Protein backbone atom coordinates (compact mmCIF):
# COMPACT_ATOMS: atom_id res chain seq x y z
CA MET A 1 -134.58 -96.34 75.46
CA ASN A 2 -135.18 -97.49 71.86
CA THR A 3 -136.94 -100.83 71.99
CA SER A 4 -139.83 -102.48 70.46
CA MET A 5 -141.42 -105.97 70.52
CA ILE A 6 -141.87 -107.95 67.20
CA VAL A 7 -144.66 -110.42 67.36
CA TYR A 8 -144.76 -113.10 64.47
CA ARG A 9 -147.67 -115.23 63.39
CA LEU A 10 -146.94 -117.68 60.52
CA PHE A 11 -149.76 -119.42 58.65
CA ASP A 12 -149.51 -122.31 56.15
CA VAL A 13 -151.70 -121.13 53.27
CA ALA A 14 -150.59 -123.13 50.16
CA ASP A 15 -148.35 -125.90 48.83
CA GLU A 16 -146.33 -123.09 46.95
CA ILE A 17 -146.55 -119.44 46.16
CA ASP A 18 -145.40 -117.59 42.99
CA LEU A 19 -143.42 -114.73 44.37
CA ASP A 20 -142.93 -112.92 41.23
CA LEU A 21 -146.61 -112.96 40.71
CA VAL A 22 -147.10 -111.66 44.35
CA GLN A 23 -144.86 -108.69 43.66
CA ALA A 24 -146.75 -107.95 40.45
CA LEU A 25 -150.17 -108.30 42.11
CA TRP A 26 -149.10 -106.13 45.04
CA THR A 27 -147.53 -103.37 43.12
CA SER A 28 -150.39 -103.17 40.69
CA ARG A 29 -152.43 -101.75 43.51
CA ASN A 30 -149.72 -99.04 43.96
CA LYS A 31 -148.48 -100.76 47.09
CA ILE A 32 -144.75 -101.42 48.08
CA ALA A 33 -143.40 -105.05 47.88
CA SER A 34 -139.77 -105.80 48.48
CA ARG A 35 -137.65 -109.06 48.57
CA LEU A 36 -135.88 -110.06 51.67
CA ARG A 37 -132.05 -108.92 51.90
CA LEU A 38 -129.89 -109.04 54.88
CA ASP A 39 -128.16 -105.72 54.86
CA ARG A 40 -125.12 -106.34 57.06
CA ILE A 41 -123.46 -109.13 54.94
CA SER A 42 -122.54 -109.77 51.53
CA THR A 43 -125.18 -111.48 49.40
CA LYS A 44 -122.91 -114.41 48.93
CA SER A 45 -122.76 -115.20 52.69
CA ILE A 46 -126.25 -116.33 52.84
CA THR A 47 -128.20 -117.33 49.87
CA PHE A 48 -131.98 -117.44 49.53
CA LYS A 49 -133.30 -119.57 46.82
CA ASP A 50 -136.34 -117.48 46.25
CA PRO A 51 -136.13 -114.47 48.79
CA PRO A 52 -139.63 -114.00 50.44
CA VAL A 53 -141.54 -110.78 49.63
CA LEU A 54 -142.37 -108.18 52.35
CA VAL A 55 -145.54 -106.06 52.03
CA GLU A 56 -146.68 -103.34 54.29
CA LEU A 57 -150.15 -103.20 55.91
CA GLY A 58 -149.82 -99.90 57.69
CA SER A 59 -149.50 -98.77 61.22
CA HIS A 60 -152.43 -99.17 63.65
CA ASP A 61 -153.46 -98.38 67.10
CA MET A 62 -153.89 -101.85 68.70
CA LYS A 63 -155.65 -102.46 72.15
CA LEU A 64 -153.15 -104.86 73.99
CA GLY A 65 -153.59 -105.76 77.67
CA ASN A 66 -154.32 -102.60 79.54
CA GLY A 67 -153.09 -100.17 76.94
CA THR A 68 -153.11 -98.99 73.33
CA TYR A 69 -149.93 -99.28 71.33
CA LEU A 70 -148.90 -98.07 68.02
CA THR A 71 -148.28 -101.15 66.04
CA GLU A 72 -146.62 -101.47 62.65
CA VAL A 73 -148.04 -104.35 60.76
CA LYS A 74 -146.33 -106.02 57.79
CA ALA A 75 -146.57 -109.49 56.03
CA ARG A 76 -143.86 -111.63 54.65
CA ILE A 77 -144.68 -114.19 51.85
CA PHE A 78 -142.75 -117.23 51.38
CA ASP A 79 -142.56 -119.40 48.24
CA LEU A 80 -142.86 -122.52 50.68
CA GLY A 81 -146.62 -121.65 51.13
CA VAL A 82 -146.25 -119.59 54.16
CA ILE A 83 -147.53 -116.07 55.03
CA SER A 84 -145.88 -114.53 58.14
CA LEU A 85 -147.71 -111.53 59.88
CA ILE A 86 -145.31 -109.17 61.66
CA LEU A 87 -146.58 -106.76 64.33
CA ARG A 88 -144.00 -104.51 65.64
CA ILE A 89 -145.19 -102.90 68.87
CA HIS A 90 -143.37 -99.58 69.58
CA PHE A 91 -142.87 -98.45 73.25
CA GLU A 92 -142.28 -95.14 74.89
CA ASP A 93 -138.65 -94.30 75.73
CA ASP A 94 -139.48 -94.52 79.43
CA VAL A 95 -141.07 -97.94 79.29
CA THR A 96 -140.59 -99.91 82.59
CA PHE A 97 -139.76 -103.59 82.88
CA ASP A 98 -143.00 -104.40 84.47
CA GLU A 99 -144.91 -102.82 81.41
CA TYR A 100 -142.43 -104.72 79.01
CA MET A 101 -143.08 -108.01 80.99
CA ASP A 102 -146.83 -107.44 80.76
CA MET A 103 -146.55 -107.12 76.98
CA SER A 104 -144.59 -110.21 76.85
CA ILE A 105 -147.31 -112.32 78.41
CA VAL A 106 -149.97 -110.49 76.22
CA SER A 107 -148.11 -111.56 73.15
CA GLU A 108 -149.12 -115.03 73.69
CA ASN A 109 -152.73 -113.89 73.18
CA MET A 110 -152.82 -111.28 70.35
CA PRO A 111 -156.29 -110.26 69.16
CA GLU A 112 -157.22 -113.23 66.84
CA ASP A 113 -159.98 -111.34 64.94
CA GLU A 114 -157.46 -108.44 63.94
CA ILE A 115 -154.76 -111.06 62.93
CA ARG A 116 -157.21 -112.92 60.83
CA SER A 117 -158.30 -109.79 59.07
CA TYR A 118 -154.79 -108.83 58.18
CA LEU A 119 -154.28 -112.41 56.86
CA ASP A 120 -157.43 -112.33 54.79
CA ALA A 121 -156.51 -108.88 53.32
CA VAL A 122 -153.13 -110.34 52.10
CA LEU A 123 -154.83 -113.47 50.71
CA GLU A 124 -157.33 -111.40 48.81
CA THR A 125 -154.66 -109.68 46.97
CA ILE A 126 -152.19 -112.51 46.21
CA ARG A 127 -154.82 -115.32 45.75
CA PRO A 128 -153.85 -116.02 42.11
CA ALA A 129 -150.32 -116.72 43.11
CA LEU A 130 -151.15 -119.53 45.49
CA SER A 131 -151.05 -123.17 44.53
CA ASN A 132 -153.44 -125.43 46.18
CA GLU A 133 -154.81 -122.69 48.60
CA ARG A 134 -155.64 -123.59 52.09
CA VAL A 135 -155.64 -122.04 55.56
CA SER A 136 -154.68 -125.12 57.55
CA ASP A 137 -154.78 -125.48 61.34
CA PHE A 138 -150.99 -125.13 61.35
CA ASP A 139 -149.54 -121.91 62.49
CA GLU A 140 -146.45 -120.75 64.49
CA ASP A 141 -145.89 -117.83 66.73
CA PHE A 142 -142.66 -116.24 68.29
CA VAL A 143 -141.59 -112.88 69.66
CA VAL A 144 -138.39 -110.79 69.34
CA TYR A 145 -137.57 -108.36 71.99
CA TYR A 146 -135.53 -105.85 69.95
CA PHE A 147 -133.24 -103.33 71.53
CA GLN A 148 -131.22 -100.56 69.78
CA ASP A 149 -130.10 -99.40 73.04
CA LYS A 150 -128.56 -101.76 75.64
CA VAL A 151 -130.88 -103.71 78.02
CA PRO A 152 -131.15 -101.53 81.05
CA GLU A 153 -129.36 -102.71 84.27
CA GLY A 154 -131.73 -104.65 86.52
CA TRP A 155 -133.76 -106.06 83.57
CA ASP A 156 -134.01 -109.71 83.85
CA ILE A 157 -134.33 -111.25 80.45
CA VAL A 158 -135.15 -114.73 81.56
CA PRO A 159 -138.70 -114.10 82.23
CA LEU A 160 -138.98 -112.34 78.98
CA LEU A 161 -137.67 -115.18 77.12
CA LEU A 162 -139.91 -117.64 79.04
CA LYS A 163 -142.88 -115.22 78.91
CA ASP A 164 -143.47 -116.03 82.56
CA ARG A 165 -142.93 -114.16 85.78
CA THR A 166 -142.70 -117.25 87.79
CA PRO A 167 -139.24 -117.67 89.49
CA VAL A 168 -137.12 -120.40 88.03
CA SER A 169 -134.20 -122.52 89.40
CA GLU A 170 -130.65 -121.67 88.80
CA GLN A 171 -130.34 -124.59 86.38
CA THR A 172 -133.28 -123.29 84.30
CA ARG A 173 -131.87 -119.86 84.32
CA GLU A 174 -128.47 -121.16 82.99
CA ASP A 175 -130.10 -123.26 80.36
CA THR A 176 -132.31 -120.33 79.24
CA LEU A 177 -129.17 -118.04 78.99
CA SER A 178 -126.96 -120.64 77.38
CA ASN A 179 -127.97 -119.91 73.77
CA ARG A 180 -126.22 -116.53 73.68
CA PHE A 181 -124.40 -115.28 70.63
CA SER A 182 -122.45 -112.12 70.26
CA TYR A 183 -120.46 -110.31 67.48
CA ALA A 184 -118.85 -106.85 68.07
CA ASP A 185 -121.74 -104.93 69.68
CA ASP A 186 -124.53 -107.43 68.63
CA VAL A 187 -125.97 -109.75 71.32
CA CYS A 188 -128.63 -112.27 70.83
CA TYR A 189 -130.28 -114.74 73.17
CA LEU A 190 -132.51 -117.58 71.85
CA ALA A 191 -135.35 -119.63 73.33
CA TRP A 192 -137.56 -121.94 71.21
CA ASP A 193 -140.31 -119.33 70.76
CA SER A 194 -138.62 -115.97 71.54
CA ALA A 195 -135.39 -114.02 71.31
CA VAL A 196 -133.74 -111.03 72.78
CA VAL A 197 -131.78 -109.00 70.13
CA TYR A 198 -129.52 -106.07 70.88
CA ASP A 199 -128.41 -104.32 67.72
CA PRO A 200 -127.38 -100.67 67.97
CA THR A 201 -127.50 -100.32 64.10
CA GLY A 202 -131.20 -101.18 63.85
CA SER A 203 -130.71 -104.03 61.50
CA LEU A 204 -133.36 -106.58 61.40
CA ASP A 205 -131.07 -109.40 59.99
CA VAL A 206 -131.30 -111.69 63.10
CA PRO A 207 -135.07 -111.30 63.37
CA ASP A 208 -135.45 -112.17 59.63
CA LEU A 209 -133.37 -115.16 59.97
CA LEU A 210 -135.31 -116.36 62.86
CA GLU A 211 -138.51 -115.77 60.92
CA PHE A 212 -137.26 -117.78 57.95
CA ALA A 213 -136.39 -120.71 60.24
CA ASN A 214 -139.82 -120.65 61.68
CA ALA A 215 -141.44 -120.73 58.20
CA GLN A 216 -139.31 -123.77 57.34
CA PHE A 217 -140.33 -125.43 60.73
CA LEU A 218 -144.03 -124.79 60.21
CA GLU A 219 -143.88 -126.54 56.77
CA LEU A 220 -142.05 -129.62 58.18
CA ARG A 221 -144.89 -129.87 60.84
CA TYR A 222 -147.58 -129.55 58.24
CA TYR A 223 -145.94 -132.29 55.84
CA ASP A 224 -145.27 -134.54 58.70
CA ASN A 225 -149.07 -134.32 59.57
CA ALA A 226 -149.96 -134.79 55.88
CA LEU A 227 -148.06 -138.10 55.77
CA ASN A 228 -149.76 -139.24 59.14
CA ASN A 229 -153.10 -138.70 57.42
CA ALA A 230 -152.03 -140.33 54.18
CA ILE A 231 -150.84 -143.47 55.95
CA ASP A 232 -154.08 -143.68 58.03
CA ARG A 233 -156.11 -143.19 54.82
CA THR A 234 -154.12 -145.93 53.04
CA TYR A 235 -154.76 -148.65 55.81
CA ASP A 236 -158.42 -147.63 55.65
CA GLU A 237 -158.59 -148.03 51.92
CA LEU A 238 -156.67 -151.21 52.01
CA GLU A 239 -159.06 -152.71 54.61
CA ALA A 240 -162.11 -151.67 52.47
CA ALA A 241 -160.59 -153.14 49.41
CA GLU A 242 -160.03 -156.53 50.97
CA LYS A 243 -163.88 -156.84 51.30
CA GLY A 244 -164.51 -156.61 47.56
CA SER A 245 -164.25 -159.08 44.78
CA THR A 246 -160.87 -159.95 43.09
CA GLY A 247 -161.58 -157.47 40.24
CA SER A 248 -162.83 -154.73 42.40
CA ARG A 249 -159.76 -155.18 44.83
CA GLN A 250 -157.27 -154.91 41.97
CA THR A 251 -158.94 -151.71 40.72
CA SER A 252 -158.76 -150.32 44.40
CA TYR A 253 -154.98 -151.32 44.56
CA ARG A 254 -154.22 -149.45 41.41
CA LYS A 255 -155.99 -146.36 42.59
CA ILE A 256 -154.19 -146.42 45.94
CA ARG A 257 -150.81 -147.11 44.27
CA GLY A 258 -151.27 -144.11 41.97
CA ARG A 259 -152.15 -141.88 44.81
CA LEU A 260 -149.08 -143.03 46.81
CA MET A 261 -146.75 -142.45 43.95
CA GLU A 262 -148.08 -138.92 43.42
CA LEU A 263 -147.80 -138.13 47.11
CA MET A 264 -144.22 -139.43 47.38
CA ALA A 265 -143.33 -137.19 44.43
CA ASP A 266 -145.05 -134.04 45.85
CA VAL A 267 -143.88 -134.36 49.41
CA SER A 268 -140.30 -135.17 48.33
CA THR A 269 -140.18 -132.11 46.10
CA LEU A 270 -141.77 -129.82 48.59
CA THR A 271 -139.59 -130.95 51.50
CA SER A 272 -136.50 -130.57 49.36
CA ASN A 273 -137.56 -127.02 48.55
CA ILE A 274 -137.93 -126.44 52.40
CA ASN A 275 -134.35 -127.82 53.17
CA ASN A 276 -132.74 -125.93 50.24
CA ALA A 277 -134.57 -122.60 50.71
CA LEU A 278 -131.59 -120.99 52.54
CA GLN A 279 -127.90 -121.73 52.31
CA VAL A 280 -125.35 -120.28 54.68
CA THR A 281 -121.91 -120.30 53.15
CA GLU A 282 -119.63 -117.81 54.93
CA ASP A 283 -121.14 -115.81 57.74
CA ILE A 284 -120.21 -117.68 60.89
CA PHE A 285 -122.18 -115.41 63.29
CA TYR A 286 -125.54 -115.81 61.45
CA ALA A 287 -124.76 -119.36 60.56
CA ARG A 288 -124.43 -120.12 64.32
CA ILE A 289 -127.68 -118.37 65.22
CA TYR A 290 -129.71 -120.01 62.34
CA THR A 291 -128.40 -123.44 62.98
CA ARG A 292 -128.90 -123.26 66.65
CA TYR A 293 -132.46 -122.08 66.45
CA LEU A 294 -133.27 -124.85 64.19
CA ASP A 295 -131.74 -127.16 66.87
CA LEU A 296 -134.03 -125.54 69.43
CA LEU A 297 -136.98 -126.14 67.28
CA ARG A 298 -135.90 -129.83 66.89
CA ALA A 299 -136.27 -129.26 63.04
CA SER A 300 -133.90 -132.40 62.34
CA VAL A 301 -136.30 -134.68 64.37
CA TRP A 302 -139.23 -133.49 62.11
CA LYS A 303 -137.10 -134.05 58.98
CA ASP A 304 -136.32 -137.59 60.11
CA ASN A 305 -139.96 -138.28 60.87
CA ILE A 306 -140.82 -137.19 57.38
CA GLU A 307 -138.27 -139.58 55.99
CA ASN A 308 -139.37 -142.53 57.94
CA LYS A 309 -142.97 -141.97 56.91
CA LEU A 310 -142.01 -141.68 53.29
CA LEU A 311 -140.12 -145.00 53.72
CA VAL A 312 -143.39 -146.66 55.00
CA ILE A 313 -145.29 -145.17 52.11
CA GLN A 314 -142.61 -146.50 49.83
CA ARG A 315 -142.98 -149.98 51.21
CA SER A 316 -146.69 -149.88 50.84
CA TYR A 317 -146.35 -148.70 47.27
CA ASN A 318 -143.89 -151.65 46.55
CA LEU A 319 -146.26 -154.16 48.21
CA LEU A 320 -149.21 -152.93 46.14
CA ASN A 321 -147.09 -152.89 43.04
CA GLU A 322 -146.13 -156.43 43.52
CA GLU A 323 -149.72 -157.44 44.12
CA VAL A 324 -150.96 -155.72 40.99
CA SER A 325 -148.12 -157.04 38.87
CA MET A 326 -148.69 -160.65 40.15
CA TYR A 327 -152.48 -160.50 39.33
CA ARG A 328 -151.60 -159.09 35.94
CA PHE A 329 -149.30 -162.03 35.34
CA GLU A 330 -151.77 -164.48 36.59
CA PHE A 331 -154.45 -162.93 34.32
CA ILE A 332 -152.12 -163.17 31.28
CA GLY A 333 -151.38 -166.72 32.16
CA MET A 334 -155.17 -167.62 32.49
CA CYS A 335 -155.68 -165.83 29.14
CA ALA A 336 -152.76 -167.93 27.61
CA VAL A 337 -154.15 -171.12 29.02
CA THR A 338 -157.65 -170.30 27.78
CA LEU A 339 -156.24 -169.47 24.22
CA LEU A 340 -154.38 -172.68 24.13
CA GLY A 341 -157.40 -174.62 24.98
CA ILE A 342 -159.42 -172.87 22.31
CA ILE A 343 -156.62 -173.63 19.85
CA LEU A 344 -156.57 -177.30 20.80
CA LEU A 345 -160.33 -177.51 20.44
CA LEU A 346 -160.13 -176.06 17.06
CA ILE A 347 -157.31 -178.51 16.02
CA ILE A 348 -159.41 -181.40 17.24
CA TYR A 349 -162.44 -180.07 15.54
CA LEU A 350 -160.65 -179.78 12.30
CA ALA A 351 -158.99 -183.08 12.72
CA VAL A 352 -162.18 -185.14 13.20
CA ARG A 353 -164.17 -183.37 10.26
């Protein structure tokens, strides 16, 4: 049986990545770098704003669970600021369900040191292409059970999708299998962090789409958290500013206002890039899979959270702007009154001379 398990680990590493520069940097070392292109549909059916770059990191014998498996390692680099490590674990033709299930559970705990070493190797090469480099605490992982031959009779894909041998209720089974998509000979089952894909052609279009959705989701999570931190920081800064004199308070207000304006512009631009990174125009099969997977990730909820937090920041900015403007008008008024007083004194002085 021709089957493999594809484990993905996605890392947030920058605000943005210049993919043209990534290709140039990678190929300058006589290494292959290629852009993502779905090979079973026309290029007009699904449009990538800036197709991510795939680079190869070689094949390695990796100790996983109780065995050693030949693992093909690649990395895909997204302009959104994400690096996805792809570990494709190949099985013998006579692999049993129990062995496959064991590896499904092991996929939850891949060797972290090796994963990080691959990430570091990619970062070392492409560092000049990164804008505001970071390796944040935000990452995503998911797994695709990929079959070029039909899933054998007697193999239960529910525990694979759940990565758990524990028996489940009929309702849970029905819910798990409800996200099924088929087209011609292709079959795909989706769960929020796993998928079973059967494609006799060997095309990786569906796994590539799921990976792209995960990259978008990861960045939504990152910017939602960044806005949380920004709101907390703003409250702390406002509280500290209230303890100062009028002059120092106004100086603090202007600094906070400037930072909020910059934050709103940056996050709005970056989240717009996330939302517009991929457009599905024609292919209904891929559109259904992509859209449903984003629903499983609850991406729309995260988008709404970001919009709501941007509104909170916008209101804070408006209030600060009003406060600073009012102080400016009051200051101008005081200056005008003072100037008039000086003029009156001069007039009186000249009149009595």
